[in-house]
Amino acid sequence: MERFYYNLITFLGGLSPFLKVMIVGLLAMFIFLSAADIVKTHVNKTKPVFKPLKFLVLAILVAVTVFVCIHMF
């Protein structure tokens, strides 16, 4: 597992700057769309619905984005 972690960090560090920006932008877009979907679901006039899977997906996306940003730049 440690070897995979270091190989992943090396791979992310070796990408071109354009690809780095594209990956971070894509992850940020996914976070925005996920957050918008959560807001749309919970701010319902008829009946607010709690869906924990959407929060889990948002937490995973944020964690992946933070990991990529820390090790990419």
PDB file of N, CA and C in Angstrom:
ATOM      1  N   MET A   1       0.826  -1.185   0.000  1.00  0.00           N
ATOM      2  CA  MET A   1       0.000   0.000   0.000  1.00  0.00           C
ATOM      3  C   MET A   1       0.873   1.253   0.000  1.00  0.00           C
ATOM      4  N   GLU A   2       1.965   1.198   0.736  1.00  0.00           N
ATOM      5  CA  GLU A   2       2.857   2.360   0.784  1.00  0.00           C
ATOM      6  C   GLU A   2       3.471   2.630  -0.590  1.00  0.00           C
ATOM      7  N   ARG A   3       3.803   1.567  -1.281  1.00  0.00           N
ATOM      8  CA  ARG A   3       4.388   1.723  -2.614  1.00  0.00           C
ATOM      9  C   ARG A   3       3.377   2.357  -3.587  1.00  0.00           C
ATOM     10  N   PHE A   4       2.111   1.927  -3.491  1.00  0.00           N
ATOM     11  CA  PHE A   4       1.061   2.513  -4.320  1.00  0.00           C
ATOM     12  C   PHE A   4       0.896   4.006  -4.028  1.00  0.00           C
ATOM     13  N   TYR A   5       0.934   4.355  -2.749  1.00  0.00           N
ATOM     14  CA  TYR A   5       0.802   5.754  -2.340  1.00  0.00           C
ATOM     15  C   TYR A   5       1.918   6.606  -2.941  1.00  0.00           C
ATOM     16  N   TYR A   6       3.143   6.138  -2.862  1.00  0.00           N
ATOM     17  CA  TYR A   6       4.265   6.907  -3.415  1.00  0.00           C
ATOM     18  C   TYR A   6       4.225   6.946  -4.939  1.00  0.00           C
ATOM     19  N   ASN A   7       3.787   5.874  -5.565  1.00  0.00           N
ATOM     20  CA  ASN A   7       3.641   5.885  -7.026  1.00  0.00           C
ATOM     21  C   ASN A   7       2.554   6.861  -7.463  1.00  0.00           C
ATOM     22  N   LEU A   8       1.472   6.935  -6.698  1.00  0.00           N
ATOM     23  CA  LEU A   8       0.400   7.877  -7.013  1.00  0.00           C
ATOM     24  C   LEU A   8       0.876   9.321  -6.864  1.00  0.00           C
ATOM     25  N   ILE A   9       1.616   9.609  -5.800  1.00  0.00           N
ATOM     26  CA  ILE A   9       2.148  10.958  -5.595  1.00  0.00           C
ATOM     27  C   ILE A   9       3.126  11.322  -6.712  1.00  0.00           C
ATOM     28  N   THR A  10       3.961  10.387  -7.107  1.00  0.00           N
ATOM     29  CA  THR A  10       4.918  10.633  -8.184  1.00  0.00           C
ATOM     30  C   THR A  10       4.197  10.883  -9.499  1.00  0.00           C
ATOM     31  N   PHE A  11       3.151  10.113  -9.749  1.00  0.00           N
ATOM     32  CA  PHE A  11       2.369  10.294 -10.975  1.00  0.00           C
ATOM     33  C   PHE A  11       1.718  11.667 -11.012  1.00  0.00           C
ATOM     34  N   LEU A  12       1.094  12.066  -9.903  1.00  0.00           N
ATOM     35  CA  LEU A  12       0.426  13.366  -9.862  1.00  0.00           C
ATOM     36  C   LEU A  12       1.432  14.508 -10.004  1.00  0.00           C
ATOM     37  N   GLY A  13       2.591  14.372  -9.418  1.00  0.00           N
ATOM     38  CA  GLY A  13       3.610  15.406  -9.511  1.00  0.00           C
ATOM     39  C   GLY A  13       4.217  15.514 -10.893  1.00  0.00           C
ATOM     40  N   GLY A  14       4.200  14.432 -11.653  1.00  0.00           N
ATOM     41  CA  GLY A  14       4.817  14.432 -12.971  1.00  0.00           C
ATOM     42  C   GLY A  14       3.906  14.876 -14.102  1.00  0.00           C
ATOM     43  N   LEU A  15       2.655  15.180 -13.794  1.00  0.00           N
ATOM     44  CA  LEU A  15       1.735  15.617 -14.848  1.00  0.00           C
ATOM     45  C   LEU A  15       2.068  17.029 -15.314  1.00  0.00           C
ATOM     46  N   SER A  16       1.629  17.354 -16.511  1.00  0.00           N
ATOM     47  CA  SER A  16       1.837  18.707 -17.023  1.00  0.00           C
ATOM     48  C   SER A  16       0.929  19.675 -16.261  1.00  0.00           C
ATOM     49  N   PRO A  17       1.313  20.934 -16.186  1.00  0.00           N
ATOM     50  CA  PRO A  17       0.496  21.909 -15.454  1.00  0.00           C
ATOM     51  C   PRO A  17      -0.927  22.036 -16.000  1.00  0.00           C
ATOM     52  N   PHE A  18      -1.092  21.900 -17.298  1.00  0.00           N
ATOM     53  CA  PHE A  18      -2.427  21.989 -17.888  1.00  0.00           C
ATOM     54  C   PHE A  18      -3.323  20.856 -17.380  1.00  0.00           C
ATOM     55  N   LEU A  19      -2.792  19.650 -17.341  1.00  0.00           N
ATOM     56  CA  LEU A  19      -3.574  18.516 -16.843  1.00  0.00           C
ATOM     57  C   LEU A  19      -3.884  18.652 -15.360  1.00  0.00           C
ATOM     58  N   LYS A  20      -2.952  19.212 -14.605  1.00  0.00           N
ATOM     59  CA  LYS A  20      -3.194  19.437 -13.184  1.00  0.00           C
ATOM     60  C   LYS A  20      -4.379  20.369 -12.981  1.00  0.00           C
ATOM     61  N   VAL A  21      -4.399  21.462 -13.735  1.00  0.00           N
ATOM     62  CA  VAL A  21      -5.495  22.423 -13.627  1.00  0.00           C
ATOM     63  C   VAL A  21      -6.802  21.791 -14.078  1.00  0.00           C
ATOM     64  N   MET A  22      -6.762  20.982 -15.123  1.00  0.00           N
ATOM     65  CA  MET A  22      -7.973  20.327 -15.618  1.00  0.00           C
ATOM     66  C   MET A  22      -8.532  19.342 -14.590  1.00  0.00           C
ATOM     67  N   ILE A  23      -7.692  18.578 -13.942  1.00  0.00           N
ATOM     68  CA  ILE A  23      -8.142  17.609 -12.942  1.00  0.00           C
ATOM     69  C   ILE A  23      -8.752  18.325 -11.742  1.00  0.00           C
ATOM     70  N   VAL A  24      -8.088  19.350 -11.257  1.00  0.00           N
ATOM     71  CA  VAL A  24      -8.619  20.098 -10.112  1.00  0.00           C
ATOM     72  C   VAL A  24      -9.919  20.804 -10.493  1.00  0.00           C
ATOM     73  N   GLY A  25      -9.995  21.348 -11.674  1.00  0.00           N
ATOM     74  CA  GLY A  25     -11.224  21.994 -12.139  1.00  0.00           C
ATOM     75  C   GLY A  25     -12.375  21.017 -12.262  1.00  0.00           C
ATOM     76  N   LEU A  26     -12.099  19.838 -12.760  1.00  0.00           N
ATOM     77  CA  LEU A  26     -13.134  18.820 -12.890  1.00  0.00           C
ATOM     78  C   LEU A  26     -13.632  18.363 -11.518  1.00  0.00           C
ATOM     79  N   LEU A  27     -12.718  18.159 -10.594  1.00  0.00           N
ATOM     80  CA  LEU A  27     -13.124  17.778  -9.240  1.00  0.00           C
ATOM     81  C   LEU A  27     -13.926  18.890  -8.565  1.00  0.00           C
ATOM     82  N   ALA A  28     -13.532  20.139  -8.779  1.00  0.00           N
ATOM     83  CA  ALA A  28     -14.276  21.270  -8.209  1.00  0.00           C
ATOM     84  C   ALA A  28     -15.676  21.351  -8.805  1.00  0.00           C
ATOM     85  N   MET A  29     -15.794  21.076 -10.090  1.00  0.00           N
ATOM     86  CA  MET A  29     -17.111  21.085 -10.733  1.00  0.00           C
ATOM     87  C   MET A  29     -17.998  19.982 -10.154  1.00  0.00           C
ATOM     88  N   PHE A  30     -17.439  18.795  -9.928  1.00  0.00           N
ATOM     89  CA  PHE A  30     -18.204  17.709  -9.322  1.00  0.00           C
ATOM     90  C   PHE A  30     -18.661  18.070  -7.908  1.00  0.00           C
ATOM     91  N   ILE A  31     -17.797  18.740  -7.155  1.00  0.00           N
ATOM     92  CA  ILE A  31     -18.167  19.167  -5.804  1.00  0.00           C
ATOM     93  C   ILE A  31     -19.314  20.165  -5.867  1.00  0.00           C
ATOM     94  N   PHE A  32     -19.223  21.124  -6.776  1.00  0.00           N
ATOM     95  CA  PHE A  32     -20.277  22.126  -6.908  1.00  0.00           C
ATOM     96  C   PHE A  32     -21.604  21.483  -7.297  1.00  0.00           C
ATOM     97  N   LEU A  33     -21.581  20.571  -8.265  1.00  0.00           N
ATOM     98  CA  LEU A  33     -22.814  19.914  -8.698  1.00  0.00           C
ATOM     99  C   LEU A  33     -23.397  19.036  -7.592  1.00  0.00           C
ATOM    100  N   SER A  34     -22.549  18.377  -6.832  1.00  0.00           N
ATOM    101  CA  SER A  34     -23.024  17.551  -5.729  1.00  0.00           C
ATOM    102  C   SER A  34     -23.657  18.413  -4.637  1.00  0.00           C
ATOM    103  N   ALA A  35     -23.017  19.515  -4.311  1.00  0.00           N
ATOM    104  CA  ALA A  35     -23.569  20.419  -3.294  1.00  0.00           C
ATOM    105  C   ALA A  35     -24.885  21.034  -3.775  1.00  0.00           C
ATOM    106  N   ALA A  36     -24.972  21.378  -5.044  1.00  0.00           N
ATOM    107  CA  ALA A  36     -26.211  21.930  -5.583  1.00  0.00           C
ATOM    108  C   ALA A  36     -27.336  20.901  -5.523  1.00  0.00           C
ATOM    109  N   ASP A  37     -27.021  19.643  -5.781  1.00  0.00           N
ATOM    110  CA  ASP A  37     -28.028  18.591  -5.702  1.00  0.00           C
ATOM    111  C   ASP A  37     -28.506  18.389  -4.270  1.00  0.00           C
ATOM    112  N   ILE A  38     -27.588  18.474  -3.309  1.00  0.00           N
ATOM    113  CA  ILE A  38     -27.977  18.346  -1.898  1.00  0.00           C
ATOM    114  C   ILE A  38     -28.894  19.488  -1.502  1.00  0.00           C
ATOM    115  N   VAL A  39     -28.551  20.690  -1.906  1.00  0.00           N
ATOM    116  CA  VAL A  39     -29.391  21.848  -1.568  1.00  0.00           C
ATOM    117  C   VAL A  39     -30.752  21.725  -2.221  1.00  0.00           C
ATOM    118  N   LYS A  40     -30.773  21.295  -3.471  1.00  0.00           N
ATOM    119  CA  LYS A  40     -32.045  21.149  -4.189  1.00  0.00           C
ATOM    120  C   LYS A  40     -32.923  20.085  -3.524  1.00  0.00           C
ATOM    121  N   THR A  41     -32.330  19.033  -3.024  1.00  0.00           N
ATOM    122  CA  THR A  41     -33.086  17.969  -2.376  1.00  0.00           C
ATOM    123  C   THR A  41     -33.623  18.409  -1.015  1.00  0.00           C
ATOM    124  N   HIS A  42     -32.832  19.126  -0.245  1.00  0.00           N
ATOM    125  CA  HIS A  42     -33.222  19.472   1.117  1.00  0.00           C
ATOM    126  C   HIS A  42     -34.074  20.727   1.204  1.00  0.00           C
ATOM    127  N   VAL A  43     -34.005  21.592   0.230  1.00  0.00           N
ATOM    128  CA  VAL A  43     -34.824  22.799   0.251  1.00  0.00           C
ATOM    129  C   VAL A  43     -36.032  22.543  -0.654  1.00  0.00           C
ATOM    130  N   ASN A  44     -36.812  21.568  -0.271  1.00  0.00           N
ATOM    131  CA  ASN A  44     -38.009  21.203  -1.004  1.00  0.00           C
ATOM    132  C   ASN A  44     -39.205  21.744  -0.233  1.00  0.00           C
ATOM    133  N   LYS A  45     -40.119  22.414  -0.930  1.00  0.00           N
ATOM    134  CA  LYS A  45     -41.243  23.041  -0.250  1.00  0.00           C
ATOM    135  C   LYS A  45     -42.218  22.008   0.314  1.00  0.00           C
ATOM    136  N   THR A  46     -42.369  20.897  -0.368  1.00  0.00           N
ATOM    137  CA  THR A  46     -43.358  19.923   0.092  1.00  0.00           C
ATOM    138  C   THR A  46     -42.858  19.098   1.264  1.00  0.00           C
ATOM    139  N   LYS A  47     -41.688  18.507   1.120  1.00  0.00           N
ATOM    140  CA  LYS A  47     -41.184  17.637   2.187  1.00  0.00           C
ATOM    141  C   LYS A  47     -39.671  17.544   2.100  1.00  0.00           C
ATOM    142  N   PRO A  48     -38.950  18.032   3.107  1.00  0.00           N
ATOM    143  CA  PRO A  48     -37.486  17.883   3.089  1.00  0.00           C
ATOM    144  C   PRO A  48     -37.094  16.410   3.257  1.00  0.00           C
ATOM    145  N   VAL A  49     -36.132  15.982   2.471  1.00  0.00           N
ATOM    146  CA  VAL A  49     -35.700  14.586   2.480  1.00  0.00           C
ATOM    147  C   VAL A  49     -34.226  14.544   2.860  1.00  0.00           C
ATOM    148  N   PHE A  50     -33.878  13.608   3.730  1.00  0.00           N
ATOM    149  CA  PHE A  50     -32.483  13.436   4.142  1.00  0.00           C
ATOM    150  C   PHE A  50     -31.926  12.198   3.448  1.00  0.00           C
ATOM    151  N   LYS A  51     -30.930  12.389   2.604  1.00  0.00           N
ATOM    152  CA  LYS A  51     -30.293  11.283   1.902  1.00  0.00           C
ATOM    153  C   LYS A  51     -28.807  11.270   2.263  1.00  0.00           C
ATOM    154  N   PRO A  52     -28.411  10.352   3.142  1.00  0.00           N
ATOM    155  CA  PRO A  52     -27.023  10.347   3.623  1.00  0.00           C
ATOM    156  C   PRO A  52     -26.010   9.972   2.546  1.00  0.00           C
ATOM    157  N   LEU A  53     -26.423   9.251   1.519  1.00  0.00           N
ATOM    158  CA  LEU A  53     -25.485   8.855   0.472  1.00  0.00           C
ATOM    159  C   LEU A  53     -24.954  10.075  -0.282  1.00  0.00           C
ATOM    160  N   LYS A  54     -25.781  11.091  -0.454  1.00  0.00           N
ATOM    161  CA  LYS A  54     -25.327  12.309  -1.133  1.00  0.00           C
ATOM    162  C   LYS A  54     -24.256  13.025  -0.319  1.00  0.00           C
ATOM    163  N   PHE A  55     -24.420  13.023   1.002  1.00  0.00           N
ATOM    164  CA  PHE A  55     -23.412  13.635   1.859  1.00  0.00           C
ATOM    165  C   PHE A  55     -22.115  12.830   1.830  1.00  0.00           C
ATOM    166  N   LEU A  56     -22.231  11.517   1.763  1.00  0.00           N
ATOM    167  CA  LEU A  56     -21.058  10.668   1.685  1.00  0.00           C
ATOM    168  C   LEU A  56     -20.289  10.911   0.386  1.00  0.00           C
ATOM    169  N   VAL A  57     -21.010  11.038  -0.719  1.00  0.00           N
ATOM    170  CA  VAL A  57     -20.368  11.320  -2.011  1.00  0.00           C
ATOM    171  C   VAL A  57     -19.668  12.673  -1.968  1.00  0.00           C
ATOM    172  N   LEU A  58     -20.306  13.669  -1.387  1.00  0.00           N
ATOM    173  CA  LEU A  58     -19.695  14.995  -1.269  1.00  0.00           C
ATOM    174  C   LEU A  58     -18.438  14.934  -0.403  1.00  0.00           C
ATOM    175  N   ALA A  59     -18.482  14.204   0.694  1.00  0.00           N
ATOM    176  CA  ALA A  59     -17.307  14.086   1.573  1.00  0.00           C
ATOM    177  C   ALA A  59     -16.157  13.389   0.849  1.00  0.00           C
ATOM    178  N   ILE A  60     -16.463  12.355   0.074  1.00  0.00           N
ATOM    179  CA  ILE A  60     -15.422  11.654  -0.682  1.00  0.00           C
ATOM    180  C   ILE A  60     -14.819  12.564  -1.743  1.00  0.00           C
ATOM    181  N   LEU A  61     -15.656  13.312  -2.442  1.00  0.00           N
ATOM    182  CA  LEU A  61     -15.144  14.237  -3.462  1.00  0.00           C
ATOM    183  C   LEU A  61     -14.246  15.307  -2.855  1.00  0.00           C
ATOM    184  N   VAL A  62     -14.644  15.840  -1.712  1.00  0.00           N
ATOM    185  CA  VAL A  62     -13.824  16.857  -1.053  1.00  0.00           C
ATOM    186  C   VAL A  62     -12.494  16.257  -0.601  1.00  0.00           C
ATOM    187  N   ALA A  63     -12.530  15.046  -0.051  1.00  0.00           N
ATOM    188  CA  ALA A  63     -11.299  14.396   0.403  1.00  0.00           C
ATOM    189  C   ALA A  63     -10.355  14.118  -0.763  1.00  0.00           C
ATOM    190  N   VAL A  64     -10.886  13.650  -1.865  1.00  0.00           N
ATOM    191  CA  VAL A  64     -10.046  13.381  -3.045  1.00  0.00           C
ATOM    192  C   VAL A  64      -9.453  14.674  -3.582  1.00  0.00           C
ATOM    193  N   THR A  65     -10.255  15.733  -3.614  1.00  0.00           N
ATOM    194  CA  THR A  65      -9.764  17.019  -4.110  1.00  0.00           C
ATOM    195  C   THR A  65      -8.661  17.574  -3.221  1.00  0.00           C
ATOM    196  N   VAL A  66      -8.817  17.472  -1.927  1.00  0.00           N
ATOM    197  CA  VAL A  66      -7.789  17.963  -1.008  1.00  0.00           C
ATOM    198  C   VAL A  66      -6.515  17.138  -1.162  1.00  0.00           C
ATOM    199  N   PHE A  67      -6.653  15.823  -1.256  1.00  0.00           N
ATOM    200  CA  PHE A  67      -5.486  14.968  -1.441  1.00  0.00           C
ATOM    201  C   PHE A  67      -4.749  15.315  -2.740  1.00  0.00           C
ATOM    202  N   VAL A  68      -5.495  15.493  -3.811  1.00  0.00           N
ATOM    203  CA  VAL A  68      -4.875  15.806  -5.099  1.00  0.00           C
ATOM    204  C   VAL A  68      -4.204  17.171  -5.056  1.00  0.00           C
ATOM    205  N   CYS A  69      -4.859  18.150  -4.465  1.00  0.00           N
ATOM    206  CA  CYS A  69      -4.274  19.494  -4.402  1.00  0.00           C
ATOM    207  C   CYS A  69      -3.014  19.532  -3.540  1.00  0.00           C
ATOM    208  N   ILE A  70      -3.003  18.785  -2.458  1.00  0.00           N
ATOM    209  CA  ILE A  70      -1.824  18.776  -1.584  1.00  0.00           C
ATOM    210  C   ILE A  70      -0.626  18.156  -2.301  1.00  0.00           C
ATOM    211  N   HIS A  71      -0.858  17.064  -2.991  1.00  0.00           N
ATOM    212  CA  HIS A  71       0.269  16.322  -3.583  1.00  0.00           C
ATOM    213  C   HIS A  71       0.559  16.719  -5.022  1.00  0.00           C
ATOM    214  N   MET A  72      -0.269  17.542  -5.605  1.00  0.00           N
ATOM    215  CA  MET A  72      -0.057  17.894  -7.006  1.00  0.00           C
ATOM    216  C   MET A  72       0.774  19.173  -7.140  1.00  0.00           C
ATOM    217  N   PHE A  73       0.590  20.106  -6.238  1.00  0.00           N
ATOM    218  CA  PHE A  73       1.251  21.403  -6.388  1.00  0.00           C
ATOM    219  C   PHE A  73       2.359  21.581  -5.387  1.00  0.00           C
TER     220      PHE A  73
END
